[in-house]
Amino acid sequence: MQSMTHKVTHKASNPPGSTPTALASWMRGLARELEQQGCDAPALFKEAGLDFALLDSPEARYPVPQTTLLWQKAVVATGDETLGIKSIRHITPATFHAVGLSVMASETLEQAFGRMRRFVDLVTDASEIELFSTDAEFIVELKLKEGAHPAYQSTDGFLCLLANAGKGLGDPSLVPLRVELSRPSPLANNLDFFEKSFAAPLKFGCNTMRIVYKLVTVRTRLKGANPLIAEHLDQASQAAIERLKPASSVSKKIRTWVSKQLQHGAPSIEQAAIYMNMSARNLQRKLADEGTSLAGILDEIRQNQAALRLKQSKDPLTAIALDLGFSDASAFSRACKRWFGKSPSDIRGG
């Protein structure tokens, strides 16, 4: 494979030792499939220690160990190892909160996957998404948090959704080159179903879970693109993620402080440590425990504010760059190309 030219990662934000969780609504698809197969879905949820009523609560979350147990019980009850893939037939964009809807309004698959990476914590903090690009390929990799062991059916379904993102966004021709799965190969009589569902060559028993596209595929403009709606939904997704964080979290205090400091330039870890009345090393450790860093917070705030101001204001690009703590307009332009794949002027004009 050619050398990597770009890599973007979003770390899951739950602190070490905590139980990973996922949106309860993600399990709605399984519940519907179980009912279609004649199973008592509420009873299976109860056996797994899950409140069935939470399926209709938009921001409710289930502990991943209990959802894994539910998948295991569901496979035993149905005798169907393809349950994860079949369950996504009952999933809609709204299942994944605002992020599912903003993905639908993305301009390209690359942008859609960027949103998934950025807001993955809203769906689950049991995993993270990494994006790689080479001269010719674009790779979406799902990485599990240390200690997280979701059922194969759960990752089958999620990866199948990602592999069919082009079809979901209105262009069935935008399919992957190949898909790598860590799960063992399914039974021979189910192999054809897997291959048809992913619409791409499959590799099983891999060390990674990856979906590989041609770079030109993920950069093809989508017919349903609506950047303005997508940006408003991004704000809703970010607000939802903030509600998941403890009110007294160090990262939340730093985020508020950084927002106020940006116009004076990008703050250093030493300056942030003085503000928090702790050593720089201790601050770095506490931020790492919350799954982030000062650099990550700074980049996130700049990206959010850049998207808003480029679309909603007529401020000169240099003024926006300086307000966001960049040394000059060129540095701001490079950041925009990294975030959005476009220059500031192209974003404003688009």
Protein backbone atom coordinates (compact mmCIF):
# COMPACT_ATOMS: atom_id res chain seq x y z
CA MET A 1 0.00 0.00 0.00
CA GLN A 2 1.19 3.53 -0.70
CA SER A 3 2.46 5.64 2.17
CA MET A 4 -0.18 7.37 4.28
CA THR A 5 -0.59 11.08 3.61
CA HIS A 6 -3.34 11.94 6.06
CA LYS A 7 -4.74 10.48 9.27
CA VAL A 8 -7.52 11.71 11.50
CA THR A 9 -8.51 10.11 14.78
CA HIS A 10 -11.18 10.87 17.33
CA LYS A 11 -10.63 9.25 20.71
CA ALA A 12 -13.50 7.93 22.76
CA SER A 13 -14.02 10.24 25.73
CA ASN A 14 -14.97 7.89 28.54
CA PRO A 15 -12.34 7.75 31.30
CA PRO A 16 -10.32 4.58 31.95
CA GLY A 17 -12.18 2.01 34.00
CA SER A 18 -15.64 3.31 33.15
CA THR A 19 -18.23 1.14 31.43
CA PRO A 20 -18.58 1.94 27.71
CA THR A 21 -22.06 2.84 26.54
CA ALA A 22 -24.01 3.18 23.29
CA LEU A 23 -27.17 4.97 22.23
CA ALA A 24 -30.16 2.88 23.26
CA SER A 25 -31.88 3.71 19.96
CA TRP A 26 -29.17 1.73 18.11
CA MET A 27 -30.76 -1.41 19.57
CA ARG A 28 -34.15 -0.49 18.13
CA GLY A 29 -33.23 -2.25 14.89
CA LEU A 30 -32.49 -5.47 16.76
CA ALA A 31 -35.79 -5.22 18.63
CA ARG A 32 -37.72 -4.86 15.37
CA GLU A 33 -35.87 -7.76 13.73
CA LEU A 34 -36.49 -9.99 16.74
CA GLU A 35 -40.20 -9.21 16.54
CA GLN A 36 -40.23 -10.02 12.83
CA GLN A 37 -38.61 -13.37 13.57
CA GLY A 38 -41.29 -14.16 16.15
CA CYS A 39 -39.19 -13.59 19.28
CA ASP A 40 -40.26 -11.82 22.47
CA ALA A 41 -37.97 -8.80 22.24
CA PRO A 42 -38.97 -7.16 25.58
CA ALA A 43 -38.33 -10.44 27.40
CA LEU A 44 -34.84 -10.79 25.88
CA PHE A 45 -34.02 -7.19 26.76
CA LYS A 46 -35.11 -7.86 30.34
CA GLU A 47 -32.97 -11.00 30.53
CA ALA A 48 -29.97 -8.91 29.42
CA GLY A 49 -30.69 -6.30 32.11
CA LEU A 50 -31.87 -3.60 29.66
CA ASP A 51 -34.94 -1.37 29.97
CA PHE A 52 -36.94 -1.90 26.75
CA ALA A 53 -38.76 1.43 27.22
CA LEU A 54 -35.51 3.37 26.74
CA LEU A 55 -35.54 2.53 23.01
CA ASP A 56 -37.82 5.52 22.47
CA SER A 57 -35.71 7.95 24.55
CA PRO A 58 -33.51 9.96 22.11
CA GLU A 59 -30.47 10.33 24.37
CA ALA A 60 -30.77 7.22 26.56
CA ARG A 61 -27.72 4.96 26.64
CA TYR A 62 -27.18 1.28 27.35
CA PRO A 63 -24.02 -0.26 28.89
CA VAL A 64 -22.16 -2.12 26.15
CA PRO A 65 -21.60 -5.29 28.25
CA GLN A 66 -25.39 -5.63 28.54
CA THR A 67 -25.96 -5.01 24.82
CA THR A 68 -23.33 -7.64 24.04
CA LEU A 69 -25.23 -10.08 26.27
CA LEU A 70 -28.45 -9.17 24.44
CA TRP A 71 -26.88 -9.88 21.04
CA GLN A 72 -25.67 -13.25 22.32
CA LYS A 73 -29.14 -14.15 23.63
CA ALA A 74 -30.74 -12.93 20.40
CA VAL A 75 -28.49 -15.12 18.24
CA VAL A 76 -29.28 -18.15 20.41
CA ALA A 77 -33.02 -17.38 20.25
CA THR A 78 -33.06 -17.00 16.46
CA GLY A 79 -30.18 -19.26 15.42
CA ASP A 80 -29.28 -16.43 13.01
CA GLU A 81 -25.66 -15.23 12.87
CA THR A 82 -26.64 -12.62 10.26
CA LEU A 83 -28.84 -10.83 12.80
CA GLY A 84 -26.62 -7.73 12.96
CA ILE A 85 -26.88 -7.07 9.23
CA LYS A 86 -30.61 -7.78 9.13
CA SER A 87 -31.22 -5.43 12.06
CA ILE A 88 -29.94 -2.37 10.20
CA ARG A 89 -32.87 -2.67 7.79
CA HIS A 90 -34.93 -1.09 10.57
CA ILE A 91 -32.46 1.76 11.23
CA THR A 92 -33.09 5.34 10.04
CA PRO A 93 -30.74 8.36 10.06
CA ALA A 94 -32.60 9.74 13.11
CA THR A 95 -31.56 6.63 15.05
CA PHE A 96 -28.14 8.22 15.49
CA HIS A 97 -29.42 11.53 16.81
CA ALA A 98 -28.49 14.73 14.94
CA VAL A 99 -25.27 13.21 13.59
CA GLY A 100 -27.24 10.75 11.44
CA LEU A 101 -29.15 13.61 9.86
CA SER A 102 -26.06 15.79 9.34
CA VAL A 103 -24.36 12.88 7.58
CA MET A 104 -27.29 12.76 5.15
CA ALA A 105 -26.69 16.44 4.28
CA SER A 106 -22.92 16.04 3.72
CA GLU A 107 -21.36 17.18 0.45
CA THR A 108 -19.18 14.07 -0.04
CA LEU A 109 -18.65 10.66 1.53
CA GLU A 110 -15.34 11.96 2.87
CA GLN A 111 -17.20 14.71 4.69
CA ALA A 112 -19.84 12.24 5.90
CA PHE A 113 -17.19 9.94 7.39
CA GLY A 114 -15.51 12.99 8.92
CA ARG A 115 -18.74 13.75 10.76
CA MET A 116 -19.01 10.15 11.93
CA ARG A 117 -15.45 10.35 13.27
CA ARG A 118 -16.03 13.69 14.94
CA PHE A 119 -19.25 12.68 16.69
CA VAL A 120 -18.64 8.97 17.26
CA ASP A 121 -18.90 9.48 21.05
CA LEU A 122 -22.55 10.39 20.59
CA VAL A 123 -23.25 6.94 19.16
CA THR A 124 -20.86 4.95 21.38
CA ASP A 125 -17.78 5.53 23.51
CA ALA A 126 -16.76 1.89 23.10
CA SER A 127 -14.92 2.62 19.85
CA GLU A 128 -13.24 5.27 17.77
CA ILE A 129 -13.05 5.93 14.06
CA GLU A 130 -9.82 6.60 12.22
CA LEU A 131 -9.63 7.96 8.67
CA PHE A 132 -6.59 7.45 6.44
CA SER A 133 -5.90 8.55 2.90
CA THR A 134 -3.22 7.65 0.36
CA ASP A 135 -2.72 8.92 -3.17
CA ALA A 136 -5.49 6.62 -4.39
CA GLU A 137 -7.39 5.15 -1.42
CA PHE A 138 -9.47 6.28 1.54
CA ILE A 139 -9.69 4.01 4.58
CA VAL A 140 -12.29 4.03 7.35
CA GLU A 141 -11.11 2.03 10.36
CA LEU A 142 -13.20 1.10 13.40
CA LYS A 143 -11.06 0.62 16.51
CA LEU A 144 -12.44 -0.75 19.75
CA LYS A 145 -11.65 0.88 23.08
CA GLU A 146 -9.39 -1.21 25.27
CA GLY A 147 -11.54 -3.63 27.23
CA ALA A 148 -14.57 -3.22 24.95
CA HIS A 149 -15.87 -6.49 23.49
CA PRO A 150 -19.04 -5.83 21.48
CA ALA A 151 -20.76 -8.76 19.81
CA TYR A 152 -19.78 -9.59 16.23
CA GLN A 153 -23.34 -8.84 15.17
CA SER A 154 -23.10 -5.28 16.49
CA THR A 155 -19.95 -4.50 14.52
CA ASP A 156 -21.33 -6.40 11.49
CA GLY A 157 -24.28 -4.05 11.42
CA PHE A 158 -22.34 -0.85 12.00
CA LEU A 159 -19.69 -1.65 9.38
CA CYS A 160 -22.37 -2.69 6.90
CA LEU A 161 -24.03 0.70 7.40
CA LEU A 162 -20.71 2.42 6.68
CA ALA A 163 -20.06 0.27 3.62
CA ASN A 164 -23.50 1.19 2.26
CA ALA A 165 -23.16 4.89 3.06
CA GLY A 166 -23.08 5.81 -0.64
CA LYS A 167 -26.34 4.01 -1.28
CA GLY A 168 -27.87 5.61 1.80
CA LEU A 169 -26.84 9.04 0.56
CA GLY A 170 -28.48 8.51 -2.81
CA ASP A 171 -25.68 7.15 -5.01
CA PRO A 172 -25.53 3.33 -5.11
CA SER A 173 -22.43 3.48 -7.32
CA LEU A 174 -20.27 4.75 -4.44
CA VAL A 175 -19.20 1.35 -3.09
CA PRO A 176 -16.00 0.21 -1.29
CA LEU A 177 -13.08 -1.55 -2.92
CA ARG A 178 -12.99 -4.08 -0.07
CA VAL A 179 -13.99 -4.60 3.56
CA GLU A 180 -11.83 -6.17 6.28
CA LEU A 181 -13.59 -7.77 9.25
CA SER A 182 -12.05 -9.14 12.44
CA ARG A 183 -14.88 -11.65 12.95
CA PRO A 184 -14.43 -15.26 11.83
CA SER A 185 -15.85 -16.25 8.48
CA PRO A 186 -19.59 -16.94 8.75
CA LEU A 187 -21.09 -20.32 7.97
CA ALA A 188 -20.90 -21.24 4.27
CA ASN A 189 -24.66 -20.85 3.79
CA ASN A 190 -24.48 -17.26 5.11
CA LEU A 191 -21.41 -16.14 3.17
CA ASP A 192 -23.35 -15.04 0.09
CA PHE A 193 -25.69 -12.94 2.26
CA PHE A 194 -22.70 -11.18 3.83
CA GLU A 195 -21.11 -10.43 0.46
CA LYS A 196 -24.34 -9.09 -1.06
CA SER A 197 -25.05 -6.96 2.02
CA PHE A 198 -21.63 -5.30 2.03
CA ALA A 199 -21.58 -4.99 -1.79
CA ALA A 200 -17.80 -5.40 -1.71
CA PRO A 201 -15.16 -8.15 -1.49
CA LEU A 202 -14.81 -9.30 2.14
CA LYS A 203 -11.84 -10.50 4.19
CA PHE A 204 -12.50 -12.24 7.51
CA GLY A 205 -10.29 -12.84 10.55
CA CYS A 206 -8.33 -9.61 10.01
CA ASN A 207 -6.41 -7.71 12.68
CA THR A 208 -8.34 -4.56 11.77
CA MET A 209 -11.90 -3.62 10.85
CA ARG A 210 -11.60 -1.45 7.75
CA ILE A 211 -13.59 -0.23 4.78
CA VAL A 212 -11.44 0.82 1.83
CA TYR A 213 -12.68 3.17 -0.90
CA LYS A 214 -11.12 4.74 -3.95
CA LEU A 215 -10.19 8.29 -3.03
CA VAL A 216 -12.16 9.63 -6.00
CA THR A 217 -15.25 7.79 -4.72
CA VAL A 218 -15.35 9.54 -1.35
CA ARG A 219 -14.74 12.93 -2.97
CA THR A 220 -17.63 12.68 -5.45
CA ARG A 221 -20.22 15.37 -4.70
CA LEU A 222 -23.48 13.96 -3.37
CA LYS A 223 -26.82 15.01 -4.83
CA GLY A 224 -28.50 15.62 -1.48
CA ALA A 225 -25.79 17.92 -0.12
CA ASN A 226 -27.00 20.79 2.05
CA PRO A 227 -24.05 22.38 3.88
CA LEU A 228 -26.12 24.91 5.83
CA ILE A 229 -28.42 22.27 7.32
CA ALA A 230 -25.44 20.02 8.03
CA GLU A 231 -23.69 22.77 9.99
CA HIS A 232 -26.77 23.45 12.12
CA LEU A 233 -27.07 19.74 12.87
CA ASP A 234 -23.35 19.63 13.76
CA GLN A 235 -24.06 22.19 16.46
CA ALA A 236 -26.86 20.00 17.82
CA SER A 237 -24.51 16.98 17.82
CA GLN A 238 -21.81 18.90 19.68
CA ALA A 239 -24.33 20.12 22.25
CA ALA A 240 -25.50 16.54 22.80
CA ILE A 241 -21.91 15.38 23.33
CA GLU A 242 -21.39 18.17 25.86
CA ARG A 243 -24.44 16.95 27.79
CA LEU A 244 -22.80 13.54 28.10
CA LYS A 245 -19.81 14.99 29.92
CA PRO A 246 -19.77 15.58 33.68
CA ALA A 247 -20.54 19.23 34.45
CA SER A 248 -17.33 19.54 36.46
CA SER A 249 -15.06 17.89 33.88
CA VAL A 250 -11.65 19.46 33.37
CA SER A 251 -12.04 19.36 29.60
CA LYS A 252 -15.30 21.33 29.79
CA LYS A 253 -13.69 24.07 31.87
CA ILE A 254 -10.71 24.19 29.52
CA ARG A 255 -13.00 24.31 26.48
CA THR A 256 -14.82 27.36 27.85
CA TRP A 257 -11.53 29.08 28.71
CA VAL A 258 -9.91 28.32 25.33
CA SER A 259 -12.92 29.81 23.51
CA LYS A 260 -12.32 33.10 25.30
CA GLN A 261 -8.55 33.04 24.81
CA LEU A 262 -8.41 32.31 21.09
CA GLN A 263 -8.39 35.93 19.93
CA HIS A 264 -5.10 36.34 21.80
CA GLY A 265 -3.55 33.35 20.05
CA ALA A 266 -3.48 29.62 20.67
CA PRO A 267 -2.97 29.12 24.42
CA SER A 268 -0.17 26.89 25.65
CA ILE A 269 -0.49 24.00 28.08
CA GLU A 270 1.43 26.11 30.62
CA GLN A 271 -1.09 28.95 30.34
CA ALA A 272 -3.97 26.51 30.67
CA ALA A 273 -2.35 24.92 33.72
CA ILE A 274 -2.02 28.31 35.41
CA TYR A 275 -5.71 28.97 34.77
CA MET A 276 -6.63 25.56 36.27
CA ASN A 277 -4.20 26.08 39.20
CA MET A 278 -2.33 22.84 38.57
CA SER A 279 0.89 21.69 36.94
CA ALA A 280 1.07 21.30 33.17
CA ARG A 281 1.81 17.60 33.57
CA ASN A 282 -1.18 17.07 35.87
CA LEU A 283 -3.47 18.93 33.45
CA GLN A 284 -2.25 16.82 30.53
CA ARG A 285 -2.95 13.68 32.53
CA LYS A 286 -6.46 14.78 33.53
CA LEU A 287 -7.32 15.72 29.95
CA ALA A 288 -5.97 12.37 28.74
CA ASP A 289 -8.17 10.61 31.33
CA GLU A 290 -11.15 12.34 29.69
CA GLY A 291 -10.00 11.17 26.26
CA THR A 292 -8.76 14.50 24.94
CA SER A 293 -5.90 17.01 24.98
CA LEU A 294 -5.44 20.77 24.80
CA ALA A 295 -4.51 20.46 21.12
CA GLY A 296 -7.63 18.38 20.43
CA ILE A 297 -9.90 20.86 22.23
CA LEU A 298 -8.29 23.78 20.41
CA ASP A 299 -8.72 22.10 17.03
CA GLU A 300 -12.36 21.21 17.74
CA ILE A 301 -13.27 24.76 18.80
CA ARG A 302 -11.52 26.29 15.81
CA GLN A 303 -13.27 23.92 13.41
CA ASN A 304 -16.71 24.63 14.87
CA GLN A 305 -16.23 28.40 14.90
CA ALA A 306 -14.67 28.45 11.43
CA ALA A 307 -17.66 26.61 9.96
CA LEU A 308 -20.08 29.04 11.57
CA ARG A 309 -18.29 32.27 10.69
CA LEU A 310 -17.46 31.35 7.12
CA LYS A 311 -21.12 30.62 6.43
CA GLN A 312 -22.89 33.10 8.68
CA SER A 313 -20.69 36.20 8.59
CA LYS A 314 -19.05 38.43 6.01
CA ASP A 315 -15.97 39.05 8.15
CA PRO A 316 -12.68 39.18 6.23
CA LEU A 317 -10.84 35.85 6.18
CA THR A 318 -7.82 37.40 7.87
CA ALA A 319 -10.00 38.67 10.70
CA ILE A 320 -11.52 35.22 11.23
CA ALA A 321 -8.06 33.64 11.15
CA LEU A 322 -6.74 36.01 13.83
CA ASP A 323 -9.86 35.66 15.98
CA LEU A 324 -9.34 31.90 15.94
CA GLY A 325 -5.76 32.28 17.10
CA PHE A 326 -3.99 31.58 13.80
CA SER A 327 -0.83 33.49 13.00
CA ASP A 328 -2.04 34.41 9.53
CA ALA A 329 -4.60 33.63 6.82
CA SER A 330 -2.35 30.97 5.26
CA ALA A 331 -2.30 28.91 8.45
CA PHE A 332 -6.10 29.23 8.64
CA SER A 333 -6.43 28.11 5.01
CA ARG A 334 -4.30 25.01 5.64
CA ALA A 335 -6.47 24.12 8.65
CA CYS A 336 -9.69 24.50 6.63
CA LYS A 337 -8.36 22.20 3.93
CA ARG A 338 -7.54 19.63 6.62
CA TRP A 339 -10.99 19.96 8.29
CA PHE A 340 -13.27 20.40 5.31
CA GLY A 341 -11.21 19.54 2.22
CA LYS A 342 -11.73 23.12 0.98
CA SER A 343 -10.16 26.55 1.28
CA PRO A 344 -11.99 29.22 3.36
CA SER A 345 -13.03 31.10 0.22
CA ASP A 346 -14.44 27.91 -1.34
CA ILE A 347 -16.42 27.16 1.84
CA ARG A 348 -17.86 30.67 1.86
CA GLY A 349 -18.65 30.55 -1.84
CA GLY A 350 -20.18 27.07 -1.68
